[in-house]
Amino acid sequence: MQATISITNKWQLHIPKAARIALKLTKPGKVEARVENNTLILTPTKSKILEVAGKYQHLYKKHPIDIDNVRAIIDYSNL
């Protein structure tokens, strides 16, 4: 795939939809940028925080919060 894209006055680029689909990019997302032989190369990367998302979920007990009575749950004595 080849396309011509514009650079804004804030140095932003728009990645064409066909390229986003081919690279399986999602937003928000990150790409690694490097220059080789006077060519800009963008490579999709994973965010470090997203790599561990859910990894420690088993350490926390989940309690459903009753939104209607949330004030009764909050401890105001230390405020």
PDB file of N, CA and C in Angstrom:
ATOM      1  N   MET A   1       0.842  -1.178   0.000  1.00  0.00           N
ATOM      2  CA  MET A   1       0.000   0.000   0.000  1.00  0.00           C
ATOM      3  C   MET A   1       0.881   1.233   0.000  1.00  0.00           C
ATOM      4  N   GLN A   2       0.531   2.194  -0.803  1.00  0.00           N
ATOM      5  CA  GLN A   2       1.263   3.456  -0.845  1.00  0.00           C
ATOM      6  C   GLN A   2       0.258   4.591  -0.880  1.00  0.00           C
ATOM      7  N   ALA A   3       0.524   5.633  -0.089  1.00  0.00           N
ATOM      8  CA  ALA A   3      -0.375   6.788  -0.037  1.00  0.00           C
ATOM      9  C   ALA A   3       0.430   8.027   0.275  1.00  0.00           C
ATOM     10  N   THR A   4      -0.053   9.161  -0.167  1.00  0.00           N
ATOM     11  CA  THR A   4       0.547  10.447   0.171  1.00  0.00           C
ATOM     12  C   THR A   4      -0.276  11.048   1.293  1.00  0.00           C
ATOM     13  N   ILE A   5       0.392  11.455   2.375  1.00  0.00           N
ATOM     14  CA  ILE A   5      -0.320  12.038   3.507  1.00  0.00           C
ATOM     15  C   ILE A   5       0.239  13.421   3.795  1.00  0.00           C
ATOM     16  N   SER A   6      -0.543  14.231   4.443  1.00  0.00           N
ATOM     17  CA  SER A   6      -0.151  15.603   4.761  1.00  0.00           C
ATOM     18  C   SER A   6       0.387  15.687   6.178  1.00  0.00           C
ATOM     19  N   ILE A   7       1.238  16.669   6.401  1.00  0.00           N
ATOM     20  CA  ILE A   7       1.751  16.982   7.733  1.00  0.00           C
ATOM     21  C   ILE A   7       1.143  18.317   8.131  1.00  0.00           C
ATOM     22  N   THR A   8       0.499  18.369   9.314  1.00  0.00           N
ATOM     23  CA  THR A   8      -0.116  19.615   9.769  1.00  0.00           C
ATOM     24  C   THR A   8       0.959  20.563  10.312  1.00  0.00           C
ATOM     25  N   ASN A   9       0.540  21.790  10.618  1.00  0.00           N
ATOM     26  CA  ASN A   9       1.488  22.755  11.164  1.00  0.00           C
ATOM     27  C   ASN A   9       1.949  22.384  12.575  1.00  0.00           C
ATOM     28  N   LYS A  10       1.278  21.396  13.201  1.00  0.00           N
ATOM     29  CA  LYS A  10       1.698  20.892  14.510  1.00  0.00           C
ATOM     30  C   LYS A  10       2.459  19.576  14.368  1.00  0.00           C
ATOM     31  N   TRP A  11       2.888  19.236  13.168  1.00  0.00           N
ATOM     32  CA  TRP A  11       3.659  18.033  12.860  1.00  0.00           C
ATOM     33  C   TRP A  11       2.864  16.756  13.065  1.00  0.00           C
ATOM     34  N   GLN A  12       1.561  16.820  12.875  1.00  0.00           N
ATOM     35  CA  GLN A  12       0.719  15.644  13.017  1.00  0.00           C
ATOM     36  C   GLN A  12       0.499  15.004  11.648  1.00  0.00           C
ATOM     37  N   LEU A  13       0.392  13.679  11.662  1.00  0.00           N
ATOM     38  CA  LEU A  13       0.133  12.917  10.447  1.00  0.00           C
ATOM     39  C   LEU A  13      -1.190  12.192  10.583  1.00  0.00           C
ATOM     40  N   HIS A  14      -1.879  12.017   9.480  1.00  0.00           N
ATOM     41  CA  HIS A  14      -3.102  11.216   9.463  1.00  0.00           C
ATOM     42  C   HIS A  14      -2.748   9.907   8.772  1.00  0.00           C
ATOM     43  N   ILE A  15      -2.936   8.796   9.485  1.00  0.00           N
ATOM     44  CA  ILE A  15      -2.662   7.485   8.901  1.00  0.00           C
ATOM     45  C   ILE A  15      -3.913   7.047   8.150  1.00  0.00           C
ATOM     46  N   PRO A  16      -3.798   6.765   6.861  1.00  0.00           N
ATOM     47  CA  PRO A  16      -4.975   6.380   6.077  1.00  0.00           C
ATOM     48  C   PRO A  16      -5.658   5.132   6.631  1.00  0.00           C
ATOM     49  N   LYS A  17      -6.964   5.051   6.422  1.00  0.00           N
ATOM     50  CA  LYS A  17      -7.764   3.955   6.964  1.00  0.00           C
ATOM     51  C   LYS A  17      -7.246   2.593   6.501  1.00  0.00           C
ATOM     52  N   ALA A  18      -6.869   2.469   5.248  1.00  0.00           N
ATOM     53  CA  ALA A  18      -6.379   1.185   4.733  1.00  0.00           C
ATOM     54  C   ALA A  18      -5.116   0.749   5.478  1.00  0.00           C
ATOM     55  N   ALA A  19      -4.247   1.699   5.800  1.00  0.00           N
ATOM     56  CA  ALA A  19      -3.020   1.379   6.543  1.00  0.00           C
ATOM     57  C   ALA A  19      -3.354   0.999   7.981  1.00  0.00           C
ATOM     58  N   ARG A  20      -4.307   1.703   8.608  1.00  0.00           N
ATOM     59  CA  ARG A  20      -4.703   1.382   9.982  1.00  0.00           C
ATOM     60  C   ARG A  20      -5.271  -0.028  10.074  1.00  0.00           C
ATOM     61  N   ILE A  21      -6.062  -0.399   9.081  1.00  0.00           N
ATOM     62  CA  ILE A  21      -6.643  -1.740   9.063  1.00  0.00           C
ATOM     63  C   ILE A  21      -5.557  -2.783   8.848  1.00  0.00           C
ATOM     64  N   ALA A  22      -4.661  -2.531   7.902  1.00  0.00           N
ATOM     65  CA  ALA A  22      -3.591  -3.487   7.598  1.00  0.00           C
ATOM     66  C   ALA A  22      -2.663  -3.694   8.792  1.00  0.00           C
ATOM     67  N   LEU A  23      -2.412  -2.629   9.559  1.00  0.00           N
ATOM     68  CA  LEU A  23      -1.523  -2.711  10.714  1.00  0.00           C
ATOM     69  C   LEU A  23      -2.259  -3.080  12.001  1.00  0.00           C
ATOM     70  N   LYS A  24      -3.587  -3.192  11.927  1.00  0.00           N
ATOM     71  CA  LYS A  24      -4.427  -3.498  13.092  1.00  0.00           C
ATOM     72  C   LYS A  24      -4.217  -2.492  14.221  1.00  0.00           C
ATOM     73  N   LEU A  25      -4.156  -1.218  13.853  1.00  0.00           N
ATOM     74  CA  LEU A  25      -3.987  -0.151  14.844  1.00  0.00           C
ATOM     75  C   LEU A  25      -5.315   0.132  15.521  1.00  0.00           C
ATOM     76  N   THR A  26      -5.245   0.451  16.802  1.00  0.00           N
ATOM     77  CA  THR A  26      -6.420   0.867  17.553  1.00  0.00           C
ATOM     78  C   THR A  26      -6.098   2.193  18.221  1.00  0.00           C
ATOM     79  N   LYS A  27      -7.128   2.886  18.667  1.00  0.00           N
ATOM     80  CA  LYS A  27      -6.855   4.118  19.390  1.00  0.00           C
ATOM     81  C   LYS A  27      -7.413   4.004  20.782  1.00  0.00           C
ATOM     82  N   PRO A  28      -6.782   4.507  21.787  1.00  0.00           N
ATOM     83  CA  PRO A  28      -5.455   5.114  21.675  1.00  0.00           C
ATOM     84  C   PRO A  28      -4.413   4.031  21.443  1.00  0.00           C
ATOM     85  N   GLY A  29      -3.338   4.415  20.820  1.00  0.00           N
ATOM     86  CA  GLY A  29      -2.287   3.463  20.527  1.00  0.00           C
ATOM     87  C   GLY A  29      -0.952   4.155  20.399  1.00  0.00           C
ATOM     88  N   LYS A  30       0.070   3.370  20.236  1.00  0.00           N
ATOM     89  CA  LYS A  30       1.415   3.914  20.111  1.00  0.00           C
ATOM     90  C   LYS A  30       2.108   3.266  18.926  1.00  0.00           C
ATOM     91  N   VAL A  31       2.989   4.022  18.308  1.00  0.00           N
ATOM     92  CA  VAL A  31       3.856   3.499  17.259  1.00  0.00           C
ATOM     93  C   VAL A  31       5.281   3.915  17.557  1.00  0.00           C
ATOM     94  N   GLU A  32       6.204   3.098  17.132  1.00  0.00           N
ATOM     95  CA  GLU A  32       7.625   3.425  17.254  1.00  0.00           C
ATOM     96  C   GLU A  32       8.041   4.064  15.931  1.00  0.00           C
ATOM     97  N   ALA A  33       8.739   5.187  15.999  1.00  0.00           N
ATOM     98  CA  ALA A  33       9.194   5.876  14.796  1.00  0.00           C
ATOM     99  C   ALA A  33      10.719   5.807  14.726  1.00  0.00           C
ATOM    100  N   ARG A  34      11.234   5.442  13.550  1.00  0.00           N
ATOM    101  CA  ARG A  34      12.677   5.440  13.347  1.00  0.00           C
ATOM    102  C   ARG A  34      12.972   5.847  11.915  1.00  0.00           C
ATOM    103  N   VAL A  35      14.176   6.315  11.701  1.00  0.00           N
ATOM    104  CA  VAL A  35      14.593   6.738  10.376  1.00  0.00           C
ATOM    105  C   VAL A  35      15.700   5.809   9.907  1.00  0.00           C
ATOM    106  N   GLU A  36      15.510   5.244   8.735  1.00  0.00           N
ATOM    107  CA  GLU A  36      16.524   4.399   8.112  1.00  0.00           C
ATOM    108  C   GLU A  36      16.663   4.811   6.655  1.00  0.00           C
ATOM    109  N   ASN A  37      17.880   5.123   6.251  1.00  0.00           N
ATOM    110  CA  ASN A  37      18.159   5.501   4.859  1.00  0.00           C
ATOM    111  C   ASN A  37      17.229   6.599   4.365  1.00  0.00           C
ATOM    112  N   ASN A  38      17.060   7.643   5.183  1.00  0.00           N
ATOM    113  CA  ASN A  38      16.241   8.804   4.839  1.00  0.00           C
ATOM    114  C   ASN A  38      14.759   8.445   4.659  1.00  0.00           C
ATOM    115  N   THR A  39      14.303   7.375   5.333  1.00  0.00           N
ATOM    116  CA  THR A  39      12.915   6.939   5.276  1.00  0.00           C
ATOM    117  C   THR A  39      12.365   6.831   6.697  1.00  0.00           C
ATOM    118  N   LEU A  40      11.173   7.370   6.907  1.00  0.00           N
ATOM    119  CA  LEU A  40      10.509   7.269   8.204  1.00  0.00           C
ATOM    120  C   LEU A  40       9.758   5.952   8.263  1.00  0.00           C
ATOM    121  N   ILE A  41      10.027   5.159   9.296  1.00  0.00           N
ATOM    122  CA  ILE A  41       9.383   3.862   9.469  1.00  0.00           C
ATOM    123  C   ILE A  41       8.596   3.890  10.769  1.00  0.00           C
ATOM    124  N   LEU A  42       7.297   3.605  10.678  1.00  0.00           N
ATOM    125  CA  LEU A  42       6.416   3.556  11.847  1.00  0.00           C
ATOM    126  C   LEU A  42       6.049   2.099  12.102  1.00  0.00           C
ATOM    127  N   THR A  43       6.276   1.647  13.341  1.00  0.00           N
ATOM    128  CA  THR A  43       5.981   0.269  13.722  1.00  0.00           C
ATOM    129  C   THR A  43       5.030   0.277  14.909  1.00  0.00           C
ATOM    130  N   PRO A  44       3.889  -0.414  14.814  1.00  0.00           N
ATOM    131  CA  PRO A  44       2.962  -0.464  15.946  1.00  0.00           C
ATOM    132  C   PRO A  44       3.622  -1.099  17.164  1.00  0.00           C
ATOM    133  N   THR A  45       3.363  -0.537  18.345  1.00  0.00           N
ATOM    134  CA  THR A  45       3.874  -1.090  19.593  1.00  0.00           C
ATOM    135  C   THR A  45       2.731  -1.166  20.590  1.00  0.00           C
ATOM    136  N   LYS A  46       2.935  -1.951  21.624  1.00  0.00           N
ATOM    137  CA  LYS A  46       1.950  -2.039  22.698  1.00  0.00           C
ATOM    138  C   LYS A  46       2.386  -1.141  23.837  1.00  0.00           C
ATOM    139  N   SER A  47       1.424  -0.497  24.444  1.00  0.00           N
ATOM    140  CA  SER A  47       1.688   0.315  25.619  1.00  0.00           C
ATOM    141  C   SER A  47       2.057  -0.610  26.768  1.00  0.00           C
ATOM    142  N   LYS A  48       3.053  -0.235  27.546  1.00  0.00           N
ATOM    143  CA  LYS A  48       3.482  -1.056  28.680  1.00  0.00           C
ATOM    144  C   LYS A  48       2.342  -1.274  29.669  1.00  0.00           C
ATOM    145  N   ILE A  49       1.527  -0.265  29.905  1.00  0.00           N
ATOM    146  CA  ILE A  49       0.434  -0.398  30.857  1.00  0.00           C
ATOM    147  C   ILE A  49      -0.621  -1.361  30.329  1.00  0.00           C
ATOM    148  N   LEU A  50      -0.826  -1.380  29.010  1.00  0.00           N
ATOM    149  CA  LEU A  50      -1.819  -2.279  28.452  1.00  0.00           C
ATOM    150  C   LEU A  50      -1.336  -3.724  28.447  1.00  0.00           C
ATOM    151  N   GLU A  51      -0.010  -3.931  28.459  1.00  0.00           N
ATOM    152  CA  GLU A  51       0.528  -5.284  28.489  1.00  0.00           C
ATOM    153  C   GLU A  51       0.210  -5.989  29.807  1.00  0.00           C
ATOM    154  N   VAL A  52       0.142  -5.230  30.914  1.00  0.00           N
ATOM    155  CA  VAL A  52      -0.124  -5.838  32.214  1.00  0.00           C
ATOM    156  C   VAL A  52      -1.576  -5.668  32.652  1.00  0.00           C
ATOM    157  N   ALA A  53      -2.391  -5.068  31.795  1.00  0.00           N
ATOM    158  CA  ALA A  53      -3.792  -4.857  32.143  1.00  0.00           C
ATOM    159  C   ALA A  53      -4.460  -6.191  32.432  1.00  0.00           C
ATOM    160  N   GLY A  54      -5.041  -6.297  33.576  1.00  0.00           N
ATOM    161  CA  GLY A  54      -5.718  -7.512  33.973  1.00  0.00           C
ATOM    162  C   GLY A  54      -4.821  -8.568  34.587  1.00  0.00           C
ATOM    163  N   LYS A  55      -3.509  -8.359  34.538  1.00  0.00           N
ATOM    164  CA  LYS A  55      -2.571  -9.355  35.055  1.00  0.00           C
ATOM    165  C   LYS A  55      -2.731  -9.560  36.557  1.00  0.00           C
ATOM    166  N   TYR A  56      -3.009  -8.489  37.276  1.00  0.00           N
ATOM    167  CA  TYR A  56      -3.116  -8.558  38.734  1.00  0.00           C
ATOM    168  C   TYR A  56      -4.554  -8.500  39.217  1.00  0.00           C
ATOM    169  N   GLN A  57      -5.476  -8.700  38.323  1.00  0.00           N
ATOM    170  CA  GLN A  57      -6.895  -8.597  38.653  1.00  0.00           C
ATOM    171  C   GLN A  57      -7.298  -9.600  39.740  1.00  0.00           C
ATOM    172  N   HIS A  58      -6.667 -10.741  39.778  1.00  0.00           N
ATOM    173  CA  HIS A  58      -7.029 -11.766  40.751  1.00  0.00           C
ATOM    174  C   HIS A  58      -6.671 -11.373  42.188  1.00  0.00           C
ATOM    175  N   LEU A  59      -5.851 -10.340  42.363  1.00  0.00           N
ATOM    176  CA  LEU A  59      -5.445  -9.925  43.700  1.00  0.00           C
ATOM    177  C   LEU A  59      -6.486  -9.045  44.386  1.00  0.00           C
ATOM    178  N   TYR A  60      -7.421  -8.532  43.628  1.00  0.00           N
ATOM    179  CA  TYR A  60      -8.410  -7.619  44.189  1.00  0.00           C
ATOM    180  C   TYR A  60      -9.781  -8.280  44.215  1.00  0.00           C
ATOM    181  N   LYS A  61     -10.454  -8.111  45.335  1.00  0.00           N
ATOM    182  CA  LYS A  61     -11.818  -8.619  45.436  1.00  0.00           C
ATOM    183  C   LYS A  61     -12.749  -7.588  44.821  1.00  0.00           C
ATOM    184  N   LYS A  62     -13.639  -8.061  44.037  1.00  0.00           N
ATOM    185  CA  LYS A  62     -14.593  -7.149  43.410  1.00  0.00           C
ATOM    186  C   LYS A  62     -15.878  -7.128  44.215  1.00  0.00           C
ATOM    187  N   HIS A  63     -16.296  -5.937  44.575  1.00  0.00           N
ATOM    188  CA  HIS A  63     -17.553  -5.753  45.284  1.00  0.00           C
ATOM    189  C   HIS A  63     -18.406  -4.817  44.456  1.00  0.00           C
ATOM    190  N   PRO A  64     -19.595  -5.236  44.097  1.00  0.00           N
ATOM    191  CA  PRO A  64     -20.460  -4.315  43.358  1.00  0.00           C
ATOM    192  C   PRO A  64     -20.815  -3.114  44.242  1.00  0.00           C
ATOM    193  N   ILE A  65     -20.826  -1.953  43.652  1.00  0.00           N
ATOM    194  CA  ILE A  65     -21.146  -0.731  44.390  1.00  0.00           C
ATOM    195  C   ILE A  65     -22.577  -0.324  44.072  1.00  0.00           C
ATOM    196  N   ASP A  66     -23.352  -0.127  45.108  1.00  0.00           N
ATOM    197  CA  ASP A  66     -24.720   0.353  44.964  1.00  0.00           C
ATOM    198  C   ASP A  66     -24.650   1.870  44.798  1.00  0.00           C
ATOM    199  N   ILE A  67     -24.796   2.335  43.597  1.00  0.00           N
ATOM    200  CA  ILE A  67     -24.656   3.766  43.297  1.00  0.00           C
ATOM    201  C   ILE A  67     -25.651   4.605  44.085  1.00  0.00           C
ATOM    202  N   ASP A  68     -26.833   4.077  44.331  1.00  0.00           N
ATOM    203  CA  ASP A  68     -27.845   4.840  45.063  1.00  0.00           C
ATOM    204  C   ASP A  68     -27.445   5.078  46.517  1.00  0.00           C
ATOM    205  N   ASN A  69     -26.607   4.192  47.082  1.00  0.00           N
ATOM    206  CA  ASN A  69     -26.197   4.316  48.476  1.00  0.00           C
ATOM    207  C   ASN A  69     -24.683   4.490  48.619  1.00  0.00           C
ATOM    208  N   VAL A  70     -24.051   5.089  47.635  1.00  0.00           N
ATOM    209  CA  VAL A  70     -22.591   5.207  47.651  1.00  0.00           C
ATOM    210  C   VAL A  70     -22.100   6.069  48.819  1.00  0.00           C
ATOM    211  N   ARG A  71     -22.870   7.040  49.235  1.00  0.00           N
ATOM    212  CA  ARG A  71     -22.448   7.886  50.367  1.00  0.00           C
ATOM    213  C   ARG A  71     -22.381   7.106  51.668  1.00  0.00           C
ATOM    214  N   ALA A  72     -23.156   6.066  51.788  1.00  0.00           N
ATOM    215  CA  ALA A  72     -23.124   5.235  52.992  1.00  0.00           C
ATOM    216  C   ALA A  72     -21.858   4.385  53.025  1.00  0.00           C
ATOM    217  N   ILE A  73     -21.252   4.134  51.886  1.00  0.00           N
ATOM    218  CA  ILE A  73     -20.048   3.311  51.806  1.00  0.00           C
ATOM    219  C   ILE A  73     -18.802   4.115  52.152  1.00  0.00           C
ATOM    220  N   ILE A  74     -18.781   5.407  51.821  1.00  0.00           N
ATOM    221  CA  ILE A  74     -17.599   6.248  52.025  1.00  0.00           C
ATOM    222  C   ILE A  74     -17.423   6.554  53.498  1.00  0.00           C
ATOM    223  N   ASP A  75     -16.190   6.388  53.967  1.00  0.00           N
ATOM    224  CA  ASP A  75     -15.846   6.700  55.356  1.00  0.00           C
ATOM    225  C   ASP A  75     -15.424   8.174  55.441  1.00  0.00           C
ATOM    226  N   TYR A  76     -16.250   9.008  56.001  1.00  0.00           N
ATOM    227  CA  TYR A  76     -15.977  10.439  56.087  1.00  0.00           C
ATOM    228  C   TYR A  76     -15.247  10.814  57.380  1.00  0.00           C
ATOM    229  N   SER A  77     -14.942   9.858  58.243  1.00  0.00           N
ATOM    230  CA  SER A  77     -14.363  10.175  59.548  1.00  0.00           C
ATOM    231  C   SER A  77     -12.921  10.705  59.463  1.00  0.00           C
ATOM    232  N   ASN A  78     -12.208  10.390  58.405  1.00  0.00           N
ATOM    233  CA  ASN A  78     -10.819  10.842  58.267  1.00  0.00           C
ATOM    234  C   ASN A  78     -10.673  12.124  57.471  1.00  0.00           C
ATOM    235  N   LEU A  79     -11.753  12.751  57.114  1.00  0.00           N
ATOM    236  CA  LEU A  79     -11.679  13.968  56.288  1.00  0.00           C
ATOM    237  C   LEU A  79     -11.515  15.201  57.095  1.00  0.00           C
TER     238      LEU A  79
END
